[in-house]
Amino acid sequence: MAKLSALIARSMTSVAAVLMLVSTARAAELKVLTTGILKGSFKEIATRFEQETGRKVIMSWGPSSGNSPESSQVRVKSGEHVDVLIMVNTGMDELVKGGYFTPVERKDVAVSKIGVAVKTGHKLPDISTEAALRQTLLDATSIGYSEGASGTYVATVLLKKLGIVDQVAGKSHVILGRKFVGEAIASGEVELGLQQISELRLEPGITVVGPLPEELQKKSVVSAAVSSEATDMEAAMQFLAYLTSPASAESMKKSGLDLPDAKP
C-alpha cells in the first residue's frame, strides 16, 4: 500500500511538472494579430525577434476593416485574444473608442501607400495623373479592391473624386477577407487591382504599375499596440519596442512601406 501511495505521489508530481512546462510554454507564446500591410515584412521581423529573445511569435492576419470573419475588427469584437494588435490607426481608434480593445502602449510603426497592379505581361496602363487614372479605370474590363482600408478609400473617396462611381459600379469587385487583390489579378478574376503597395508586392504573377497620383493618394498609418489583457506583458512590450528598431524599420522599407517620421 505504501509503495502504491508513493507511486501515485510520484505520478502526480510528474503530471504537475508537465502541466507547469505546458503553462510556461504557452505563456512564452506571443499572439500577434496584424494587418496584411505588414505581412511582407513580418516573417523577417518575427524570426529575428525569436532568435534574439527566445520568445515564440504566433502571427495571424486580416484586413483592418470590413465585415468578413477574417477582418481584425470582427475578430477583436468577437473576443479573440491578442497580445499585440497591429492595424491601420483609424480602425484601431474605432476598437478603442467602442471599448473592444484597451492598449497599454501604442506606437505608429509604418505608413502605407495605395498602388495599382495588373497581371504580368499585360500592357501597363497610364496612372500618372488624375485624368490618366480616371481613363484607365473607365477602360478596364474589371476592377478589384479589398474590403480593408485601401478598398474602403477607393470605394468611398477615390471613385467619387474621379466622378466615375456609376460608370464602374458594374465591374468593381470587393476582394473579401484574407485574399489579396493580387491573387484576383493573377487568376484573371479582375484585370486591374488597387491595394496597399506592400500587399500587391507579395503576389507573384502581377506587376505593380505604381502608386496613385500624389493628389489622390491615401497614406494609411499602421499602429501597433499592446493589449491590456496580454498574457505575457513583458514579452508583448518587448515585441512592440522591437517593431520600431532599426532592423525592423529596414524590413518594412524593403517591403514597400514608409516610416511614420519619413518625409514625403
Protein backbone atom coordinates (compact mmCIF):
# COMPACT_ATOMS: atom_id res chain seq x y z
CA MET A 1 0.00 0.00 0.00
CA ALA A 2 2.86 2.33 0.89
CA LYS A 3 4.51 1.61 -2.46
CA LEU A 4 1.27 2.35 -4.29
CA SER A 5 0.91 5.66 -2.45
CA ALA A 6 4.46 6.59 -3.29
CA LEU A 7 3.88 5.70 -6.95
CA ILE A 8 0.73 7.82 -7.07
CA ALA A 9 2.56 10.71 -5.42
CA ARG A 10 5.38 10.49 -7.95
CA SER A 11 2.87 10.35 -10.83
CA MET A 12 1.04 13.41 -9.54
CA THR A 13 4.33 15.26 -9.20
CA SER A 14 5.25 14.33 -12.79
CA VAL A 15 1.86 15.47 -14.08
CA ALA A 16 2.20 18.76 -12.20
CA ALA A 17 5.65 19.29 -13.69
CA VAL A 18 4.36 18.62 -17.20
CA LEU A 19 1.43 20.99 -16.69
CA MET A 20 3.82 23.66 -15.43
CA LEU A 21 6.02 23.23 -18.51
CA VAL A 22 2.99 23.44 -20.82
CA SER A 23 1.78 26.55 -19.00
CA THR A 24 5.23 28.15 -19.28
CA ALA A 25 5.41 27.31 -22.99
CA ARG A 26 2.01 28.87 -23.59
CA ALA A 27 2.97 31.97 -21.64
CA ALA A 28 6.10 32.28 -23.78
CA GLU A 29 4.00 32.36 -26.96
CA LEU A 30 3.15 35.85 -28.13
CA LYS A 31 -0.06 36.10 -30.16
CA VAL A 32 0.03 38.93 -32.71
CA LEU A 33 -2.87 39.92 -34.96
CA THR A 34 -1.59 42.08 -37.79
CA THR A 35 -2.79 43.83 -40.91
CA GLY A 36 -1.84 42.40 -44.29
CA ILE A 37 0.07 45.62 -44.89
CA LEU A 38 2.88 44.24 -42.71
CA LYS A 39 2.67 40.65 -43.95
CA GLY A 40 5.61 41.11 -46.32
CA SER A 41 7.98 42.19 -43.55
CA PHE A 42 6.50 40.38 -40.56
CA LYS A 43 8.14 36.99 -41.02
CA GLU A 44 11.61 38.50 -41.14
CA ILE A 45 10.90 40.70 -38.11
CA ALA A 46 9.36 37.88 -36.06
CA THR A 47 12.16 35.44 -36.91
CA ARG A 48 14.85 37.84 -35.71
CA PHE A 49 12.85 38.65 -32.57
CA GLU A 50 12.52 34.95 -31.76
CA GLN A 51 16.23 34.35 -32.33
CA GLU A 52 17.25 37.28 -30.15
CA THR A 53 14.78 36.76 -27.30
CA GLY A 54 13.84 33.08 -27.34
CA ARG A 55 10.16 34.04 -27.36
CA LYS A 56 7.78 32.43 -29.83
CA VAL A 57 5.59 34.68 -32.01
CA ILE A 58 2.28 33.31 -33.29
CA MET A 59 1.04 35.52 -36.11
CA SER A 60 -2.34 35.74 -37.79
CA TRP A 61 -3.58 38.50 -40.01
CA GLY A 62 -6.63 40.10 -41.55
CA PRO A 63 -7.84 43.37 -43.10
CA SER A 64 -8.11 46.33 -40.72
CA SER A 65 -11.73 46.97 -41.68
CA GLY A 66 -14.63 45.09 -43.19
CA ASN A 67 -17.27 42.63 -42.06
CA SER A 68 -15.78 39.30 -43.13
CA PRO A 69 -14.91 36.82 -40.34
CA GLU A 70 -11.19 37.31 -41.07
CA SER A 71 -11.19 41.09 -40.52
CA SER A 72 -9.43 42.35 -37.41
CA GLN A 73 -12.46 44.43 -36.49
CA VAL A 74 -14.75 41.39 -36.37
CA ARG A 75 -12.21 39.15 -34.63
CA VAL A 76 -11.42 41.59 -31.84
CA LYS A 77 -15.06 42.49 -31.34
CA SER A 78 -15.92 38.79 -31.07
CA GLY A 79 -13.46 38.43 -28.21
CA GLU A 80 -10.47 36.78 -29.91
CA HIS A 81 -7.45 37.07 -27.63
CA VAL A 82 -4.43 39.00 -28.92
CA ASP A 83 -1.34 40.15 -27.08
CA VAL A 84 -0.27 42.68 -29.71
CA LEU A 85 -2.62 44.23 -32.26
CA ILE A 86 -1.27 45.81 -35.44
CA MET A 87 -3.67 47.57 -37.81
CA VAL A 88 -4.45 50.84 -39.57
CA ASN A 89 -4.73 53.52 -36.88
CA THR A 90 -8.29 54.59 -37.74
CA GLY A 91 -9.50 51.01 -37.33
CA MET A 92 -7.75 50.71 -34.00
CA ASP A 93 -9.27 54.03 -32.90
CA GLU A 94 -12.73 52.56 -33.53
CA LEU A 95 -11.99 49.47 -31.44
CA VAL A 96 -10.60 51.56 -28.59
CA LYS A 97 -13.50 54.02 -28.68
CA GLY A 98 -16.01 51.17 -28.70
CA GLY A 99 -14.39 49.54 -25.67
CA TYR A 100 -13.37 46.41 -27.57
CA PHE A 101 -9.63 46.92 -27.16
CA THR A 102 -7.63 48.69 -24.45
CA PRO A 103 -4.00 49.46 -25.32
CA VAL A 104 -1.35 49.66 -22.61
CA GLU A 105 1.11 51.23 -25.02
CA ARG A 106 0.70 52.13 -28.67
CA LYS A 107 3.10 53.24 -31.39
CA ASP A 108 2.85 54.13 -35.08
CA VAL A 109 5.21 51.79 -36.95
CA ALA A 110 4.68 52.27 -40.69
CA VAL A 111 2.99 54.31 -43.41
CA SER A 112 1.46 52.60 -46.44
CA LYS A 113 0.50 53.90 -49.88
CA ILE A 114 -2.05 52.53 -52.33
CA GLY A 115 -0.90 51.28 -55.71
CA VAL A 116 -2.27 49.86 -58.95
CA ALA A 117 -1.33 46.50 -60.44
CA VAL A 118 -2.07 44.33 -63.48
CA LYS A 119 -1.20 40.78 -64.48
CA THR A 120 2.39 40.34 -65.63
CA GLY A 121 2.55 40.68 -69.40
CA HIS A 122 -0.44 42.99 -69.55
CA LYS A 123 0.17 46.40 -71.10
CA LEU A 124 0.96 48.84 -68.31
CA PRO A 125 -1.77 51.48 -68.07
CA ASP A 126 -1.15 55.18 -67.51
CA ILE A 127 -1.91 56.23 -63.92
CA SER A 128 0.45 59.20 -63.77
CA THR A 129 -2.21 61.89 -63.42
CA GLU A 130 -5.76 62.19 -62.16
CA ALA A 131 -7.10 62.30 -65.74
CA ALA A 132 -5.00 59.31 -66.79
CA LEU A 133 -6.09 57.22 -63.80
CA ARG A 134 -9.71 58.09 -64.44
CA GLN A 135 -9.48 56.94 -68.05
CA THR A 136 -7.61 53.78 -67.08
CA LEU A 137 -10.34 52.80 -64.62
CA LEU A 138 -13.02 53.51 -67.20
CA ASP A 139 -11.19 51.42 -69.82
CA ALA A 140 -10.56 48.42 -67.53
CA THR A 141 -12.86 45.45 -68.05
CA SER A 142 -12.88 44.77 -64.30
CA ILE A 143 -11.50 46.39 -61.16
CA GLY A 144 -10.69 44.83 -57.80
CA TYR A 145 -10.03 46.30 -54.36
CA SER A 146 -10.06 44.92 -50.83
CA GLU A 147 -12.57 45.32 -48.03
CA GLY A 148 -9.72 46.76 -45.93
CA ALA A 149 -8.52 50.33 -45.52
CA SER A 150 -7.36 50.76 -49.11
CA GLY A 151 -10.56 49.37 -50.59
CA THR A 152 -12.70 51.47 -48.30
CA TYR A 153 -10.88 54.56 -49.55
CA VAL A 154 -11.24 53.51 -53.20
CA ALA A 155 -14.97 52.84 -52.88
CA THR A 156 -15.96 55.79 -50.70
CA VAL A 157 -13.49 58.51 -51.70
CA LEU A 158 -11.37 57.88 -54.80
CA LEU A 159 -14.12 56.88 -57.24
CA LYS A 160 -16.23 59.81 -56.06
CA LYS A 161 -13.35 62.24 -56.55
CA LEU A 162 -12.90 60.89 -60.07
CA GLY A 163 -16.64 61.14 -60.70
CA ILE A 164 -16.96 57.57 -62.02
CA VAL A 165 -18.86 55.73 -59.27
CA ASP A 166 -21.79 54.81 -61.50
CA GLN A 167 -19.65 54.07 -64.57
CA VAL A 168 -17.53 51.43 -62.82
CA ALA A 169 -20.11 50.02 -60.39
CA GLY A 170 -20.93 47.01 -62.57
CA LYS A 171 -17.32 45.94 -62.99
CA SER A 172 -15.99 46.61 -59.48
CA HIS A 173 -15.25 43.63 -57.22
CA VAL A 174 -14.57 43.74 -53.48
CA ILE A 175 -12.00 41.08 -52.52
CA LEU A 176 -13.01 39.83 -49.10
CA GLY A 177 -11.11 38.57 -46.07
CA ARG A 178 -7.54 37.38 -46.28
CA LYS A 179 -7.49 37.07 -50.06
CA PHE A 180 -5.13 39.59 -51.60
CA VAL A 181 -6.22 41.71 -54.55
CA GLY A 182 -3.06 40.47 -56.28
CA GLU A 183 -4.43 36.92 -56.21
CA ALA A 184 -7.55 38.06 -58.05
CA ILE A 185 -5.39 39.82 -60.65
CA ALA A 186 -3.08 36.83 -61.16
CA SER A 187 -6.00 34.43 -61.57
CA GLY A 188 -7.74 36.68 -64.09
CA GLU A 189 -10.67 37.39 -61.81
CA VAL A 190 -10.02 41.11 -62.29
CA GLU A 191 -7.98 42.96 -64.89
CA LEU A 192 -6.78 45.79 -62.68
CA GLY A 193 -6.43 46.00 -58.92
CA LEU A 194 -5.84 48.63 -56.26
CA GLN A 195 -4.41 47.84 -52.83
CA GLN A 196 -1.63 48.75 -50.44
CA ILE A 197 1.65 48.53 -52.38
CA SER A 198 3.26 46.28 -49.75
CA GLU A 199 0.41 43.79 -50.21
CA LEU A 200 0.47 43.91 -54.01
CA ARG A 201 4.18 43.14 -53.95
CA LEU A 202 3.55 39.83 -52.21
CA GLU A 203 1.80 38.23 -55.17
CA PRO A 204 3.81 36.59 -57.99
CA GLY A 205 2.47 36.91 -61.49
CA ILE A 206 1.45 40.55 -61.26
CA THR A 207 3.19 43.85 -61.97
CA VAL A 208 2.82 46.87 -59.73
CA VAL A 209 2.30 49.80 -62.11
CA GLY A 210 2.97 52.37 -59.39
CA PRO A 211 1.34 54.40 -56.63
CA LEU A 212 -1.76 56.52 -57.08
CA PRO A 213 -1.04 60.12 -58.16
CA GLU A 214 0.01 62.14 -55.13
CA GLU A 215 -3.11 64.33 -55.19
CA LEU A 216 -5.27 61.21 -54.94
CA GLN A 217 -3.06 59.17 -52.64
CA LYS A 218 -4.26 57.87 -49.29
CA LYS A 219 -1.48 57.19 -46.79
CA SER A 220 -2.50 54.76 -44.07
CA VAL A 221 -0.67 54.90 -40.75
CA VAL A 222 -0.17 51.48 -39.20
CA SER A 223 -0.27 51.36 -35.39
CA ALA A 224 0.86 48.59 -33.06
CA ALA A 225 -0.42 48.28 -29.50
CA VAL A 226 -0.02 46.00 -26.50
CA SER A 227 -3.34 44.74 -25.16
CA SER A 228 -4.21 45.34 -21.51
CA GLU A 229 -5.07 41.61 -21.47
CA ALA A 230 -1.73 40.43 -22.83
CA THR A 231 -0.81 37.05 -21.36
CA ASP A 232 2.87 37.96 -21.05
CA MET A 233 3.03 41.72 -20.70
CA GLU A 234 6.83 41.85 -20.63
CA ALA A 235 7.12 39.90 -23.89
CA ALA A 236 4.41 41.98 -25.56
CA MET A 237 6.11 45.24 -24.60
CA GLN A 238 9.43 43.86 -25.78
CA PHE A 239 7.95 43.00 -29.18
CA LEU A 240 6.35 46.43 -29.52
CA ALA A 241 9.73 48.05 -28.87
CA TYR A 242 11.33 45.71 -31.42
CA LEU A 243 8.88 46.83 -34.11
CA THR A 244 10.45 50.29 -34.02
CA SER A 245 14.06 49.06 -34.03
CA PRO A 246 16.37 49.92 -36.96
CA ALA A 247 16.31 46.29 -38.16
CA SER A 248 12.51 46.20 -38.23
CA ALA A 249 12.36 49.58 -39.95
CA GLU A 250 14.68 48.28 -42.67
CA SER A 251 12.46 45.20 -43.21
CA MET A 252 9.40 47.40 -43.54
CA LYS A 253 11.07 49.71 -46.04
CA LYS A 254 12.17 46.73 -48.14
CA SER A 255 8.57 45.54 -48.30
CA GLY A 256 7.39 48.86 -49.78
CA LEU A 257 6.44 50.78 -46.66
CA ASP A 258 7.48 54.19 -45.40
CA LEU A 259 8.22 55.09 -41.79
CA PRO A 260 5.96 57.38 -39.73
CA ASP A 261 8.61 60.09 -39.49
CA ALA A 262 9.66 59.81 -43.15
CA LYS A 263 9.13 62.92 -45.24
CA PRO A 264 7.01 62.50 -48.40
